[in-house]
Amino acid sequence: MLFRLREGDREAFEQLYRKHWRDLFNSAYKRLLLREEAEEIIQDLFVQLWVKRELLVITSTLEAYLFGALRYSIYNFIRNRKVQQAYLDHLAHSSEIDQNYIEDSLYYEELSEALAKSIEKLPEKYKKVYLLSRYENFTYREIAKHLNIPLDTVEKHMGKALKLLRDSLRDFAVILCIWAGNYWN
């Protein structure tokens, strides 16, 4: 049958396939416990057998050759899976995206805390105007009406509140600028 296979006899190849497919599959499945992967390995094994049929040098039986080739195919499959898994684990644990997300969250939390503390330290009249504007989404006109003060007073209070907050958060601004420079590089 080996001679017929080398000559390109498709019928000989089909007989060989039907004779050995089930035993090869069972052997592969016992080692992998993955049906589709075992089928794929056996399919590839027979494809390679057909493609390289003219160059085959078999020193033992054809059956021993097929099981030896299967053993190496399974070994390569497992090795490739381990390399893929190691790579995926590496990506999951050291991804820049994950690190940037964690850093972003930490900076955001720190900045939020610093802003809240700075707002609490504002003089009461500035704090009211700032909170109505930024947290209640009131327009300056609505704030003036709500607090019963002139519109230009609302604008002055807001300007002073923002200046005090900027001064209070200056250190964070420097840190964020440095961080943003590193982030975008």
N, C-alpha and C. Protein backbone atom coordinates (compact mmCIF):
# COMPACT_ATOMS: atom_id res chain seq x y z
N MET A 1 0.82 -1.19 0.00
CA MET A 1 0.00 0.00 0.00
C MET A 1 0.87 1.26 0.00
N LEU A 2 2.03 1.21 0.64
CA LEU A 2 2.93 2.36 0.68
C LEU A 2 3.39 2.74 -0.73
N PHE A 3 3.68 1.74 -1.54
CA PHE A 3 4.10 2.00 -2.91
C PHE A 3 2.99 2.72 -3.67
N ARG A 4 1.76 2.23 -3.53
CA ARG A 4 0.61 2.85 -4.22
C ARG A 4 0.40 4.30 -3.73
N LEU A 5 0.59 4.50 -2.43
CA LEU A 5 0.44 5.84 -1.87
C LEU A 5 1.48 6.78 -2.48
N ARG A 6 2.74 6.33 -2.56
CA ARG A 6 3.81 7.17 -3.15
C ARG A 6 3.52 7.51 -4.61
N GLU A 7 2.85 6.64 -5.28
CA GLU A 7 2.51 6.87 -6.69
C GLU A 7 1.31 7.78 -6.87
N GLY A 8 0.67 8.18 -5.77
CA GLY A 8 -0.47 9.11 -5.86
C GLY A 8 -1.80 8.41 -6.01
N ASP A 9 -1.90 7.16 -5.62
CA ASP A 9 -3.14 6.39 -5.73
C ASP A 9 -4.11 6.86 -4.62
N ARG A 10 -5.14 7.56 -5.05
CA ARG A 10 -6.11 8.09 -4.08
C ARG A 10 -6.88 6.98 -3.36
N GLU A 11 -7.16 5.92 -4.05
CA GLU A 11 -7.89 4.80 -3.43
C GLU A 11 -7.05 4.19 -2.30
N ALA A 12 -5.75 4.08 -2.51
CA ALA A 12 -4.87 3.55 -1.47
C ALA A 12 -4.85 4.50 -0.27
N PHE A 13 -4.84 5.80 -0.55
CA PHE A 13 -4.86 6.80 0.52
C PHE A 13 -6.16 6.71 1.32
N GLU A 14 -7.29 6.59 0.62
CA GLU A 14 -8.59 6.49 1.30
C GLU A 14 -8.67 5.22 2.15
N GLN A 15 -8.15 4.13 1.66
CA GLN A 15 -8.14 2.88 2.44
C GLN A 15 -7.30 3.06 3.72
N LEU A 16 -6.15 3.69 3.55
CA LEU A 16 -5.27 3.96 4.68
C LEU A 16 -5.98 4.86 5.70
N TYR A 17 -6.66 5.87 5.20
CA TYR A 17 -7.39 6.80 6.07
C TYR A 17 -8.47 6.07 6.86
N ARG A 18 -9.30 5.28 6.15
CA ARG A 18 -10.38 4.55 6.82
C ARG A 18 -9.85 3.53 7.83
N LYS A 19 -8.74 2.92 7.52
CA LYS A 19 -8.18 1.88 8.39
C LYS A 19 -7.61 2.46 9.69
N HIS A 20 -6.97 3.62 9.61
CA HIS A 20 -6.23 4.13 10.77
C HIS A 20 -6.86 5.34 11.47
N TRP A 21 -7.84 5.98 10.82
CA TRP A 21 -8.37 7.22 11.38
C TRP A 21 -8.89 7.03 12.81
N ARG A 22 -9.74 6.04 13.06
CA ARG A 22 -10.37 5.86 14.37
C ARG A 22 -9.32 5.62 15.46
N ASP A 23 -8.34 4.75 15.21
CA ASP A 23 -7.31 4.47 16.23
C ASP A 23 -6.47 5.71 16.52
N LEU A 24 -6.12 6.44 15.47
CA LEU A 24 -5.34 7.67 15.66
C LEU A 24 -6.15 8.70 16.43
N PHE A 25 -7.43 8.84 16.07
CA PHE A 25 -8.28 9.79 16.78
C PHE A 25 -8.40 9.42 18.26
N ASN A 26 -8.66 8.15 18.56
CA ASN A 26 -8.80 7.73 19.95
C ASN A 26 -7.53 8.02 20.75
N SER A 27 -6.39 7.78 20.14
CA SER A 27 -5.12 8.05 20.81
C SER A 27 -4.95 9.54 21.08
N ALA A 28 -5.26 10.36 20.10
CA ALA A 28 -5.14 11.82 20.25
C ALA A 28 -6.13 12.33 21.29
N TYR A 29 -7.34 11.81 21.25
CA TYR A 29 -8.37 12.27 22.18
C TYR A 29 -8.02 11.91 23.63
N LYS A 30 -7.44 10.72 23.84
CA LYS A 30 -7.04 10.32 25.19
C LYS A 30 -6.02 11.29 25.78
N ARG A 31 -5.16 11.83 24.94
CA ARG A 31 -4.12 12.73 25.43
C ARG A 31 -4.60 14.17 25.58
N LEU A 32 -5.48 14.60 24.69
CA LEU A 32 -5.90 16.00 24.68
C LEU A 32 -7.24 16.26 25.37
N LEU A 33 -8.13 15.27 25.30
CA LEU A 33 -9.50 15.42 25.82
C LEU A 33 -10.24 16.58 25.15
N LEU A 34 -9.85 16.86 23.92
CA LEU A 34 -10.48 17.92 23.13
C LEU A 34 -10.83 17.33 21.76
N ARG A 35 -12.11 17.12 21.52
CA ARG A 35 -12.56 16.43 20.31
C ARG A 35 -12.15 17.16 19.03
N GLU A 36 -12.49 18.44 18.94
CA GLU A 36 -12.22 19.17 17.70
C GLU A 36 -10.72 19.27 17.42
N GLU A 37 -9.95 19.50 18.47
CA GLU A 37 -8.50 19.61 18.29
C GLU A 37 -7.91 18.27 17.87
N ALA A 38 -8.40 17.18 18.46
CA ALA A 38 -7.93 15.85 18.08
C ALA A 38 -8.26 15.57 16.61
N GLU A 39 -9.47 15.90 16.19
CA GLU A 39 -9.86 15.71 14.79
C GLU A 39 -8.98 16.54 13.86
N GLU A 40 -8.71 17.78 14.27
CA GLU A 40 -7.88 18.66 13.44
C GLU A 40 -6.46 18.12 13.30
N ILE A 41 -5.91 17.62 14.39
CA ILE A 41 -4.55 17.07 14.35
C ILE A 41 -4.50 15.86 13.42
N ILE A 42 -5.50 14.99 13.50
CA ILE A 42 -5.54 13.80 12.62
C ILE A 42 -5.70 14.23 11.17
N GLN A 43 -6.55 15.20 10.94
CA GLN A 43 -6.75 15.70 9.57
C GLN A 43 -5.44 16.24 9.02
N ASP A 44 -4.75 17.07 9.82
CA ASP A 44 -3.47 17.63 9.38
C ASP A 44 -2.44 16.53 9.11
N LEU A 45 -2.46 15.52 9.96
CA LEU A 45 -1.53 14.40 9.79
C LEU A 45 -1.73 13.72 8.44
N PHE A 46 -2.98 13.47 8.08
CA PHE A 46 -3.25 12.82 6.79
C PHE A 46 -2.99 13.76 5.61
N VAL A 47 -3.25 15.04 5.80
CA VAL A 47 -2.94 16.00 4.73
C VAL A 47 -1.44 16.00 4.46
N GLN A 48 -0.64 16.07 5.54
CA GLN A 48 0.82 16.05 5.38
C GLN A 48 1.30 14.74 4.77
N LEU A 49 0.66 13.64 5.15
CA LEU A 49 1.01 12.34 4.57
C LEU A 49 0.80 12.37 3.05
N TRP A 50 -0.31 12.93 2.61
CA TRP A 50 -0.59 13.00 1.18
C TRP A 50 0.36 13.96 0.47
N VAL A 51 0.59 15.11 1.06
CA VAL A 51 1.44 16.13 0.43
C VAL A 51 2.88 15.62 0.30
N LYS A 52 3.37 14.92 1.31
CA LYS A 52 4.76 14.47 1.32
C LYS A 52 4.91 13.00 0.92
N ARG A 53 3.90 12.43 0.30
CA ARG A 53 3.88 11.00 -0.01
C ARG A 53 5.07 10.54 -0.85
N GLU A 54 5.53 11.40 -1.76
CA GLU A 54 6.63 11.00 -2.64
C GLU A 54 7.97 11.00 -1.92
N LEU A 55 8.06 11.75 -0.81
CA LEU A 55 9.32 11.89 -0.08
C LEU A 55 9.39 11.01 1.16
N LEU A 56 8.32 10.25 1.43
CA LEU A 56 8.25 9.45 2.66
C LEU A 56 9.39 8.43 2.74
N VAL A 57 10.04 8.43 3.89
CA VAL A 57 11.04 7.40 4.19
C VAL A 57 10.56 6.74 5.48
N ILE A 58 10.01 5.56 5.34
CA ILE A 58 9.46 4.85 6.48
C ILE A 58 10.32 3.63 6.73
N THR A 59 10.95 3.58 7.92
CA THR A 59 11.85 2.48 8.26
C THR A 59 11.17 1.41 9.10
N SER A 60 9.95 1.70 9.55
CA SER A 60 9.18 0.72 10.33
C SER A 60 7.87 0.48 9.59
N THR A 61 6.87 0.05 10.29
CA THR A 61 5.57 -0.14 9.64
C THR A 61 4.90 1.22 9.43
N LEU A 62 3.97 1.26 8.52
CA LEU A 62 3.22 2.49 8.25
C LEU A 62 2.43 2.90 9.49
N GLU A 63 1.89 1.91 10.20
CA GLU A 63 1.13 2.20 11.42
C GLU A 63 2.04 2.84 12.48
N ALA A 64 3.24 2.31 12.67
CA ALA A 64 4.18 2.88 13.64
C ALA A 64 4.57 4.30 13.22
N TYR A 65 4.75 4.51 11.93
CA TYR A 65 5.07 5.84 11.41
C TYR A 65 3.96 6.82 11.74
N LEU A 66 2.69 6.44 11.50
CA LEU A 66 1.54 7.32 11.76
C LEU A 66 1.43 7.66 13.24
N PHE A 67 1.61 6.68 14.12
CA PHE A 67 1.51 6.96 15.56
C PHE A 67 2.70 7.80 16.05
N GLY A 68 3.85 7.62 15.47
CA GLY A 68 5.00 8.47 15.81
C GLY A 68 4.75 9.91 15.37
N ALA A 69 4.23 10.06 14.15
CA ALA A 69 3.90 11.40 13.65
C ALA A 69 2.81 12.04 14.51
N LEU A 70 1.85 11.24 14.95
CA LEU A 70 0.79 11.74 15.82
C LEU A 70 1.37 12.24 17.14
N ARG A 71 2.29 11.48 17.71
CA ARG A 71 2.90 11.86 18.99
C ARG A 71 3.57 13.23 18.86
N TYR A 72 4.32 13.45 17.79
CA TYR A 72 4.98 14.74 17.58
C TYR A 72 3.97 15.85 17.32
N SER A 73 2.91 15.55 16.61
CA SER A 73 1.87 16.55 16.36
C SER A 73 1.19 16.98 17.66
N ILE A 74 0.91 16.03 18.53
CA ILE A 74 0.30 16.34 19.82
C ILE A 74 1.27 17.16 20.66
N TYR A 75 2.53 16.76 20.67
CA TYR A 75 3.55 17.51 21.41
C TYR A 75 3.60 18.96 20.93
N ASN A 76 3.64 19.16 19.63
CA ASN A 76 3.69 20.52 19.07
C ASN A 76 2.42 21.30 19.41
N PHE A 77 1.28 20.63 19.37
CA PHE A 77 0.02 21.29 19.72
C PHE A 77 0.05 21.78 21.16
N ILE A 78 0.47 20.92 22.08
CA ILE A 78 0.52 21.29 23.51
C ILE A 78 1.52 22.40 23.74
N ARG A 79 2.68 22.30 23.10
CA ARG A 79 3.69 23.35 23.25
C ARG A 79 3.17 24.69 22.74
N ASN A 80 2.52 24.69 21.59
CA ASN A 80 1.97 25.93 21.04
C ASN A 80 0.88 26.51 21.94
N ARG A 81 0.06 25.65 22.52
CA ARG A 81 -0.98 26.11 23.44
C ARG A 81 -0.35 26.76 24.67
N LYS A 82 0.72 26.15 25.20
CA LYS A 82 1.37 26.72 26.37
C LYS A 82 1.98 28.07 26.05
N VAL A 83 2.58 28.20 24.89
CA VAL A 83 3.16 29.49 24.48
C VAL A 83 2.06 30.53 24.33
N GLN A 84 0.95 30.16 23.70
CA GLN A 84 -0.17 31.09 23.54
C GLN A 84 -0.73 31.51 24.89
N GLN A 85 -0.90 30.54 25.79
CA GLN A 85 -1.45 30.85 27.11
C GLN A 85 -0.50 31.75 27.90
N ALA A 86 0.79 31.47 27.82
CA ALA A 86 1.77 32.30 28.52
C ALA A 86 1.71 33.74 27.98
N TYR A 87 1.57 33.87 26.69
CA TYR A 87 1.48 35.20 26.08
C TYR A 87 0.22 35.92 26.54
N LEU A 88 -0.91 35.22 26.55
CA LEU A 88 -2.16 35.83 26.99
C LEU A 88 -2.09 36.21 28.47
N ASP A 89 -1.47 35.36 29.29
CA ASP A 89 -1.30 35.69 30.71
C ASP A 89 -0.43 36.93 30.86
N HIS A 90 0.61 37.00 30.06
CA HIS A 90 1.50 38.16 30.11
C HIS A 90 0.73 39.44 29.76
N LEU A 91 -0.07 39.37 28.71
CA LEU A 91 -0.86 40.53 28.31
C LEU A 91 -1.84 40.94 29.40
N ALA A 92 -2.46 39.96 30.00
CA ALA A 92 -3.46 40.25 31.02
C ALA A 92 -2.85 40.89 32.26
N HIS A 93 -1.61 40.53 32.58
CA HIS A 93 -1.00 41.01 33.80
C HIS A 93 -0.16 42.28 33.62
N SER A 94 0.28 42.53 32.43
CA SER A 94 1.17 43.68 32.27
C SER A 94 0.73 44.64 31.17
N SER A 95 -0.51 44.58 30.83
CA SER A 95 -1.01 45.43 29.76
C SER A 95 -0.92 46.90 30.14
N GLU A 96 -0.40 47.70 29.22
CA GLU A 96 -0.33 49.14 29.46
C GLU A 96 -1.72 49.72 29.64
N ILE A 97 -2.68 49.18 28.92
CA ILE A 97 -4.04 49.69 29.03
C ILE A 97 -4.54 49.50 30.45
N ASP A 98 -4.31 48.29 31.01
CA ASP A 98 -4.73 48.03 32.39
C ASP A 98 -4.00 48.94 33.35
N GLN A 99 -2.69 49.11 33.15
CA GLN A 99 -1.91 49.95 34.04
C GLN A 99 -2.38 51.40 33.94
N ASN A 100 -2.63 51.89 32.75
CA ASN A 100 -3.10 53.26 32.58
C ASN A 100 -4.47 53.44 33.21
N TYR A 101 -5.33 52.45 33.08
CA TYR A 101 -6.65 52.53 33.68
C TYR A 101 -6.53 52.63 35.20
N ILE A 102 -5.68 51.81 35.78
CA ILE A 102 -5.49 51.85 37.24
C ILE A 102 -4.92 53.19 37.66
N GLU A 103 -3.90 53.66 36.93
CA GLU A 103 -3.32 54.96 37.25
C GLU A 103 -4.35 56.07 37.11
N ASP A 104 -5.13 56.03 36.04
CA ASP A 104 -6.18 57.04 35.84
C ASP A 104 -7.15 57.04 37.01
N SER A 105 -7.55 55.87 37.44
CA SER A 105 -8.50 55.78 38.55
C SER A 105 -7.92 56.35 39.83
N LEU A 106 -6.66 56.04 40.10
CA LEU A 106 -6.01 56.56 41.31
C LEU A 106 -5.89 58.07 41.26
N TYR A 107 -5.43 58.60 40.13
CA TYR A 107 -5.31 60.06 40.00
C TYR A 107 -6.68 60.73 40.13
N TYR A 108 -7.68 60.15 39.55
CA TYR A 108 -9.02 60.72 39.62
C TYR A 108 -9.51 60.75 41.07
N GLU A 109 -9.32 59.64 41.78
CA GLU A 109 -9.74 59.59 43.18
C GLU A 109 -9.00 60.64 44.01
N GLU A 110 -7.69 60.74 43.84
CA GLU A 110 -6.90 61.71 44.59
C GLU A 110 -7.34 63.14 44.26
N LEU A 111 -7.54 63.41 42.99
CA LEU A 111 -7.96 64.75 42.58
C LEU A 111 -9.36 65.07 43.12
N SER A 112 -10.25 64.10 43.09
CA SER A 112 -11.60 64.32 43.62
C SER A 112 -11.57 64.64 45.10
N GLU A 113 -10.74 63.91 45.84
CA GLU A 113 -10.61 64.18 47.28
C GLU A 113 -10.03 65.58 47.52
N ALA A 114 -9.00 65.92 46.80
CA ALA A 114 -8.37 67.23 46.96
C ALA A 114 -9.34 68.34 46.60
N LEU A 115 -10.11 68.16 45.53
CA LEU A 115 -11.10 69.16 45.14
C LEU A 115 -12.16 69.32 46.21
N ALA A 116 -12.67 68.20 46.73
CA ALA A 116 -13.70 68.27 47.77
C ALA A 116 -13.18 69.03 49.00
N LYS A 117 -11.93 68.75 49.40
CA LYS A 117 -11.34 69.45 50.56
C LYS A 117 -11.17 70.93 50.26
N SER A 118 -10.76 71.24 49.05
CA SER A 118 -10.58 72.64 48.66
C SER A 118 -11.90 73.39 48.63
N ILE A 119 -12.94 72.74 48.15
CA ILE A 119 -14.26 73.38 48.12
C ILE A 119 -14.74 73.66 49.54
N GLU A 120 -14.50 72.73 50.45
CA GLU A 120 -14.92 72.91 51.85
C GLU A 120 -14.22 74.11 52.49
N LYS A 121 -13.00 74.41 52.06
CA LYS A 121 -12.23 75.52 52.63
C LYS A 121 -12.63 76.88 52.06
N LEU A 122 -13.42 76.89 50.99
CA LEU A 122 -13.84 78.17 50.38
C LEU A 122 -14.70 78.96 51.36
N PRO A 123 -14.60 80.30 51.30
CA PRO A 123 -15.55 81.12 52.09
C PRO A 123 -16.98 80.76 51.67
N GLU A 124 -17.89 80.81 52.59
CA GLU A 124 -19.27 80.34 52.38
C GLU A 124 -19.93 80.95 51.14
N LYS A 125 -19.80 82.25 50.91
CA LYS A 125 -20.46 82.89 49.77
C LYS A 125 -19.90 82.38 48.44
N TYR A 126 -18.58 82.13 48.37
CA TYR A 126 -17.98 81.60 47.15
C TYR A 126 -18.40 80.13 46.95
N LYS A 127 -18.42 79.40 48.06
CA LYS A 127 -18.78 77.98 47.99
C LYS A 127 -20.20 77.80 47.46
N LYS A 128 -21.16 78.61 47.94
CA LYS A 128 -22.55 78.50 47.48
C LYS A 128 -22.64 78.71 45.97
N VAL A 129 -21.99 79.76 45.49
CA VAL A 129 -22.03 80.07 44.05
C VAL A 129 -21.39 78.93 43.25
N TYR A 130 -20.24 78.47 43.70
CA TYR A 130 -19.53 77.40 42.98
C TYR A 130 -20.38 76.12 42.93
N LEU A 131 -20.93 75.70 44.06
CA LEU A 131 -21.72 74.47 44.11
C LEU A 131 -22.98 74.57 43.25
N LEU A 132 -23.66 75.72 43.29
CA LEU A 132 -24.85 75.88 42.45
C LEU A 132 -24.49 75.82 40.97
N SER A 133 -23.35 76.40 40.62
CA SER A 133 -22.94 76.41 39.21
C SER A 133 -22.46 75.02 38.75
N ARG A 134 -21.54 74.42 39.50
CA ARG A 134 -20.89 73.19 39.03
C ARG A 134 -21.64 71.91 39.37
N TYR A 135 -22.36 71.89 40.48
CA TYR A 135 -23.03 70.66 40.89
C TYR A 135 -24.54 70.67 40.65
N GLU A 136 -25.11 71.86 40.61
CA GLU A 136 -26.55 71.97 40.35
C GLU A 136 -26.85 72.45 38.93
N ASN A 137 -25.80 72.81 38.21
CA ASN A 137 -25.91 73.26 36.81
C ASN A 137 -26.78 74.51 36.65
N PHE A 138 -26.76 75.39 37.65
CA PHE A 138 -27.47 76.66 37.55
C PHE A 138 -26.66 77.60 36.67
N THR A 139 -27.37 78.42 35.91
CA THR A 139 -26.70 79.50 35.17
C THR A 139 -26.41 80.62 36.17
N TYR A 140 -25.56 81.57 35.78
CA TYR A 140 -25.26 82.69 36.67
C TYR A 140 -26.53 83.47 37.01
N ARG A 141 -27.40 83.66 36.04
CA ARG A 141 -28.67 84.36 36.25
C ARG A 141 -29.53 83.64 37.29
N GLU A 142 -29.59 82.29 37.16
CA GLU A 142 -30.38 81.50 38.10
C GLU A 142 -29.79 81.58 39.52
N ILE A 143 -28.46 81.58 39.60
CA ILE A 143 -27.80 81.70 40.91
C ILE A 143 -28.12 83.06 41.52
N ALA A 144 -28.03 84.11 40.72
CA ALA A 144 -28.32 85.46 41.21
C ALA A 144 -29.75 85.53 41.75
N LYS A 145 -30.68 84.97 41.03
CA LYS A 145 -32.07 84.98 41.44
C LYS A 145 -32.26 84.13 42.70
N HIS A 146 -31.64 82.94 42.73
CA HIS A 146 -31.78 82.01 43.86
C HIS A 146 -31.20 82.60 45.16
N LEU A 147 -30.04 83.26 45.05
CA LEU A 147 -29.38 83.81 46.23
C LEU A 147 -29.77 85.27 46.50
N ASN A 148 -30.55 85.83 45.58
CA ASN A 148 -31.01 87.21 45.70
C ASN A 148 -29.83 88.19 45.78
N ILE A 149 -28.90 88.02 44.81
CA ILE A 149 -27.75 88.91 44.72
C ILE A 149 -27.60 89.34 43.26
N PRO A 150 -26.90 90.46 43.00
CA PRO A 150 -26.73 90.92 41.62
C PRO A 150 -25.91 89.91 40.78
N LEU A 151 -26.15 89.92 39.49
CA LEU A 151 -25.47 89.03 38.55
C LEU A 151 -23.96 89.26 38.57
N ASP A 152 -23.51 90.51 38.61
CA ASP A 152 -22.06 90.77 38.62
C ASP A 152 -21.41 90.25 39.91
N THR A 153 -22.14 90.21 40.99
CA THR A 153 -21.62 89.65 42.24
C THR A 153 -21.42 88.14 42.09
N VAL A 154 -22.36 87.47 41.42
CA VAL A 154 -22.23 86.02 41.15
C VAL A 154 -20.96 85.79 40.33
N GLU A 155 -20.74 86.61 39.29
CA GLU A 155 -19.56 86.47 38.45
C GLU A 155 -18.28 86.68 39.25
N LYS A 156 -18.26 87.68 40.14
CA LYS A 156 -17.07 87.95 40.96
C LYS A 156 -16.82 86.80 41.94
N HIS A 157 -17.88 86.33 42.59
CA HIS A 157 -17.73 85.22 43.54
C HIS A 157 -17.21 83.97 42.83
N MET A 158 -17.73 83.71 41.66
CA MET A 158 -17.30 82.52 40.91
C MET A 158 -15.84 82.67 40.49
N GLY A 159 -15.47 83.84 40.01
CA GLY A 159 -14.08 84.09 39.62
C GLY A 159 -13.13 83.88 40.79
N LYS A 160 -13.50 84.41 41.96
CA LYS A 160 -12.64 84.26 43.15
C LYS A 160 -12.61 82.80 43.61
N ALA A 161 -13.76 82.10 43.55
CA ALA A 161 -13.81 80.69 43.94
C ALA A 161 -12.89 79.86 43.04
N LEU A 162 -12.95 80.11 41.74
CA LEU A 162 -12.09 79.37 40.81
C LEU A 162 -10.61 79.68 41.04
N LYS A 163 -10.28 80.94 41.33
CA LYS A 163 -8.89 81.29 41.59
C LYS A 163 -8.39 80.58 42.84
N LEU A 164 -9.20 80.58 43.91
CA LEU A 164 -8.79 79.90 45.14
C LEU A 164 -8.64 78.39 44.92
N LEU A 165 -9.52 77.80 44.14
CA LEU A 165 -9.42 76.36 43.84
C LEU A 165 -8.18 76.05 43.00
N ARG A 166 -7.91 76.91 42.01
CA ARG A 166 -6.70 76.72 41.18
C ARG A 166 -5.45 76.77 42.05
N ASP A 167 -5.40 77.77 42.91
CA ASP A 167 -4.23 77.90 43.79
C ASP A 167 -4.11 76.70 44.72
N SER A 168 -5.23 76.26 45.25
CA SER A 168 -5.24 75.13 46.17
C SER A 168 -4.83 73.83 45.47
N LEU A 169 -5.17 73.69 44.21
CA LEU A 169 -4.91 72.45 43.46
C LEU A 169 -3.68 72.55 42.56
N ARG A 170 -2.89 73.60 42.73
CA ARG A 170 -1.72 73.82 41.87
C ARG A 170 -0.78 72.60 41.89
N ASP A 171 -0.53 72.04 43.08
CA ASP A 171 0.37 70.88 43.16
C ASP A 171 -0.17 69.71 42.35
N PHE A 172 -1.48 69.51 42.43
CA PHE A 172 -2.07 68.43 41.64
C PHE A 172 -1.96 68.72 40.15
N ALA A 173 -2.09 69.96 39.77
CA ALA A 173 -1.98 70.33 38.35
C ALA A 173 -0.59 70.00 37.83
N VAL A 174 0.44 70.28 38.62
CA VAL A 174 1.81 69.97 38.21
C VAL A 174 1.97 68.46 38.06
N ILE A 175 1.49 67.72 39.05
CA ILE A 175 1.60 66.25 38.99
C ILE A 175 0.85 65.71 37.78
N LEU A 176 -0.35 66.25 37.53
CA LEU A 176 -1.13 65.77 36.38
C LEU A 176 -0.46 66.11 35.06
N CYS A 177 0.18 67.26 34.98
CA CYS A 177 0.88 67.62 33.74
C CYS A 177 2.06 66.68 33.51
N ILE A 178 2.77 66.37 34.57
CA ILE A 178 3.89 65.43 34.45
C ILE A 178 3.35 64.07 34.04
N TRP A 179 2.29 63.63 34.72
CA TRP A 179 1.70 62.33 34.41
C TRP A 179 1.19 62.30 32.97
N ALA A 180 0.51 63.36 32.54
CA ALA A 180 -0.02 63.40 31.18
C ALA A 180 1.11 63.35 30.17
N GLY A 181 2.22 63.98 30.48
CA GLY A 181 3.38 63.92 29.59
C GLY A 181 3.90 62.50 29.46
N ASN A 182 3.96 61.78 30.56
CA ASN A 182 4.38 60.38 30.53
C ASN A 182 3.34 59.51 29.85
N TYR A 183 2.09 59.81 30.09
CA TYR A 183 0.98 59.03 29.56
C TYR A 183 0.97 59.06 28.04
N TRP A 184 1.20 60.22 27.48
CA TRP A 184 1.10 60.35 26.03
C TRP A 184 2.37 60.01 25.30
N ASN A 185 3.47 59.78 26.00
CA ASN A 185 4.73 59.42 25.33
C ASN A 185 4.78 57.97 25.01
